[in-house]
N, C-alpha and C. Protein backbone atom coordinates (compact mmCIF):
# COMPACT_ATOMS: atom_id res chain seq x y z
N MET A 1 2.12 17.07 -3.26
CA MET A 1 1.57 16.24 -2.44
C MET A 1 2.43 15.33 -1.68
N GLU A 2 2.61 15.31 -0.67
CA GLU A 2 3.42 14.29 0.32
C GLU A 2 2.88 12.87 0.18
N PRO A 3 4.07 11.88 0.01
CA PRO A 3 3.45 10.63 0.19
C PRO A 3 2.93 10.25 1.31
N GLN A 4 1.96 9.28 1.24
CA GLN A 4 1.33 8.72 2.64
C GLN A 4 2.11 7.43 2.85
N ARG A 5 2.54 7.21 4.02
CA ARG A 5 3.32 6.06 4.59
C ARG A 5 2.47 5.07 5.50
N PHE A 6 2.61 3.65 5.22
CA PHE A 6 1.71 2.76 5.81
C PHE A 6 3.06 1.82 6.08
N THR A 7 2.63 1.20 7.16
CA THR A 7 3.36 0.19 8.10
C THR A 7 2.44 -1.18 7.61
N VAL A 8 3.12 -2.03 6.91
CA VAL A 8 2.05 -3.27 6.13
C VAL A 8 2.82 -4.22 6.57
N ALA A 9 2.08 -5.17 7.59
CA ALA A 9 2.65 -6.47 7.89
C ALA A 9 2.20 -7.73 7.18
N GLY A 10 2.84 -8.45 7.12
CA GLY A 10 2.46 -9.76 6.16
C GLY A 10 3.21 -9.69 4.69
N MET A 11 3.82 -8.73 4.38
CA MET A 11 4.47 -8.79 2.99
C MET A 11 5.98 -9.75 3.04
N THR A 12 5.85 -10.98 2.45
CA THR A 12 6.90 -11.78 2.78
C THR A 12 7.74 -12.09 1.34
N CYS A 13 7.00 -11.45 0.23
CA CYS A 13 7.79 -12.06 -1.04
C CYS A 13 7.14 -10.92 -2.07
N GLY A 14 7.74 -10.94 -3.34
CA GLY A 14 7.37 -10.35 -4.29
C GLY A 14 5.88 -10.30 -4.66
N HIS A 15 5.27 -11.39 -4.61
CA HIS A 15 4.11 -11.54 -4.84
C HIS A 15 2.96 -10.87 -3.91
N CYS A 16 3.50 -10.83 -2.75
CA CYS A 16 2.73 -9.89 -1.64
C CYS A 16 2.92 -8.45 -2.10
N GLU A 17 4.07 -8.04 -2.52
CA GLU A 17 4.37 -6.60 -2.91
C GLU A 17 3.36 -6.34 -4.21
N GLN A 18 3.11 -7.34 -5.19
CA GLN A 18 2.42 -7.11 -6.18
C GLN A 18 0.91 -7.03 -5.90
N ALA A 19 0.44 -7.79 -4.92
CA ALA A 19 -0.72 -7.65 -4.58
C ALA A 19 -1.26 -6.45 -3.73
N VAL A 20 -0.20 -5.77 -2.99
CA VAL A 20 -0.44 -4.65 -2.41
C VAL A 20 -0.53 -3.64 -3.56
N GLN A 21 0.22 -3.52 -4.50
CA GLN A 21 0.31 -2.54 -5.62
C GLN A 21 -0.89 -2.80 -6.49
N ARG A 22 -1.58 -3.79 -6.47
CA ARG A 22 -2.71 -4.10 -7.27
C ARG A 22 -4.00 -3.47 -6.76
N ALA A 23 -3.81 -3.76 -5.20
CA ALA A 23 -4.87 -3.14 -4.57
C ALA A 23 -4.97 -1.61 -4.58
N ILE A 24 -3.78 -1.00 -4.21
CA ILE A 24 -3.97 0.56 -4.47
C ILE A 24 -4.25 1.00 -5.75
N ARG A 25 -3.71 0.41 -6.86
CA ARG A 25 -3.96 0.94 -8.32
C ARG A 25 -5.38 0.47 -8.74
N GLN A 26 -6.01 -0.53 -7.93
CA GLN A 26 -7.57 -0.58 -8.16
C GLN A 26 -8.45 0.84 -7.69
N LEU A 27 -7.89 1.21 -6.82
CA LEU A 27 -8.39 2.31 -6.15
C LEU A 27 -8.09 3.85 -6.91
N ASP A 28 -6.53 3.74 -7.46
CA ASP A 28 -6.17 5.05 -8.05
C ASP A 28 -5.11 4.44 -9.01
N ALA A 29 -5.61 4.43 -10.39
CA ALA A 29 -4.59 3.82 -11.36
C ALA A 29 -3.21 4.57 -11.55
N SER A 30 -3.33 5.90 -10.99
CA SER A 30 -1.92 6.72 -11.43
C SER A 30 -1.30 6.89 -10.20
N ALA A 31 -1.62 6.01 -9.02
CA ALA A 31 -0.81 6.08 -7.91
C ALA A 31 0.63 5.73 -8.26
N GLN A 32 1.38 6.40 -7.45
CA GLN A 32 2.72 6.14 -7.28
C GLN A 32 3.15 5.57 -6.23
N ILE A 33 3.55 4.38 -6.30
CA ILE A 33 3.97 3.43 -5.11
C ILE A 33 5.34 2.95 -4.87
N GLN A 34 5.73 3.16 -3.54
CA GLN A 34 7.23 2.46 -3.31
C GLN A 34 6.88 1.54 -2.26
N ILE A 35 7.63 0.39 -2.18
CA ILE A 35 7.73 -0.71 -1.26
C ILE A 35 8.85 -0.79 -0.64
N ASP A 36 9.12 -1.04 0.41
CA ASP A 36 10.23 -1.33 1.15
C ASP A 36 9.97 -2.67 2.11
N ARG A 37 10.02 -3.87 1.63
CA ARG A 37 9.37 -4.94 2.25
C ARG A 37 10.15 -5.24 3.55
N ALA A 38 11.34 -4.95 3.20
CA ALA A 38 12.59 -5.36 4.71
C ALA A 38 12.02 -4.49 6.02
N GLN A 39 11.57 -3.28 5.40
CA GLN A 39 11.16 -2.03 6.57
C GLN A 39 9.59 -2.40 6.77
N ASN A 40 8.72 -3.19 6.12
CA ASN A 40 7.68 -3.38 6.18
C ASN A 40 6.67 -2.00 5.65
N LEU A 41 7.23 -1.21 4.77
CA LEU A 41 6.99 0.08 4.21
C LEU A 41 6.26 0.26 3.06
N VAL A 42 4.85 0.88 3.04
CA VAL A 42 4.57 1.20 1.83
C VAL A 42 4.40 2.88 1.95
N GLN A 43 4.70 3.19 0.57
CA GLN A 43 4.59 4.71 0.38
C GLN A 43 3.79 4.75 -0.77
N VAL A 44 2.74 5.74 -0.66
CA VAL A 44 1.89 5.86 -1.78
C VAL A 44 1.40 7.45 -1.92
N GLN A 45 1.74 7.89 -3.35
CA GLN A 45 1.60 9.28 -3.71
C GLN A 45 -0.01 9.10 -4.37
N SER A 46 -0.88 9.60 -3.83
CA SER A 46 -2.18 9.28 -4.48
C SER A 46 -3.10 10.67 -3.98
N SER A 47 -3.97 10.93 -4.63
CA SER A 47 -5.06 11.95 -4.33
C SER A 47 -6.16 11.20 -3.53
N GLN A 48 -6.00 9.86 -3.43
CA GLN A 48 -7.12 9.20 -2.57
C GLN A 48 -7.02 9.58 -1.23
N PRO A 49 -8.18 9.33 -0.21
CA PRO A 49 -7.84 9.65 1.37
C PRO A 49 -7.24 8.30 1.73
N ARG A 50 -6.51 8.79 2.72
CA ARG A 50 -5.51 7.77 3.27
C ARG A 50 -6.54 6.63 4.08
N ALA A 51 -7.79 6.95 4.28
CA ALA A 51 -8.43 5.66 4.89
C ALA A 51 -8.77 4.62 3.80
N ALA A 52 -9.03 5.23 2.55
CA ALA A 52 -9.44 4.42 1.60
C ALA A 52 -8.22 3.55 1.08
N LEU A 53 -7.20 3.92 0.88
CA LEU A 53 -5.65 3.30 0.61
C LEU A 53 -5.46 2.21 1.77
N ALA A 54 -5.86 2.49 2.90
CA ALA A 54 -5.51 1.64 3.96
C ALA A 54 -6.60 0.35 4.07
N THR A 55 -7.80 0.80 3.63
CA THR A 55 -8.94 -0.17 3.39
C THR A 55 -8.52 -1.09 2.28
N ALA A 56 -8.23 -0.50 1.09
CA ALA A 56 -7.41 -1.40 -0.07
C ALA A 56 -6.35 -2.41 0.08
N ILE A 57 -5.53 -2.02 1.15
CA ILE A 57 -4.56 -2.70 1.43
C ILE A 57 -4.83 -3.79 2.45
N ARG A 58 -5.75 -3.66 3.03
CA ARG A 58 -6.46 -4.48 4.32
C ARG A 58 -7.11 -5.44 3.49
N ASP A 59 -8.06 -5.09 2.31
CA ASP A 59 -8.79 -5.98 1.75
C ASP A 59 -7.87 -6.96 0.80
N ALA A 60 -6.71 -6.52 0.70
CA ALA A 60 -6.03 -7.53 -0.07
C ALA A 60 -5.38 -8.51 0.73
N GLY A 61 -5.46 -8.48 2.12
CA GLY A 61 -5.42 -9.31 3.11
C GLY A 61 -3.91 -9.06 3.99
N TYR A 62 -3.50 -7.91 4.03
CA TYR A 62 -2.60 -7.40 4.77
C TYR A 62 -2.75 -6.42 5.78
N ALA A 63 -2.21 -6.55 7.03
CA ALA A 63 -2.52 -5.59 8.23
C ALA A 63 -1.58 -4.35 8.01
N VAL A 64 -2.57 -3.21 8.40
CA VAL A 64 -1.86 -2.06 8.02
C VAL A 64 -2.07 -1.33 9.58
N SER A 65 -0.92 -0.54 9.59
CA SER A 65 -0.98 0.49 10.83
C SER A 65 -0.09 1.48 10.48
N ALA A 66 -0.21 2.46 11.31
CA ALA A 66 0.32 3.77 11.20
C ALA A 66 -0.14 4.55 9.83
């Protein structure tokens, strides 16, 4: 399974990263998540649909594109 990549705006600190991780893990507790805050990049390996993951990130208060 290929990781899904999201461009996420608004992550400015470690707390932001944790909020994004929490949002994704509420949807899929076993998701593998890598965040590169400098590049505004979130990579998620999950069986959940892309749209559901993007919605979870948006609901945590972050803008998602791509």
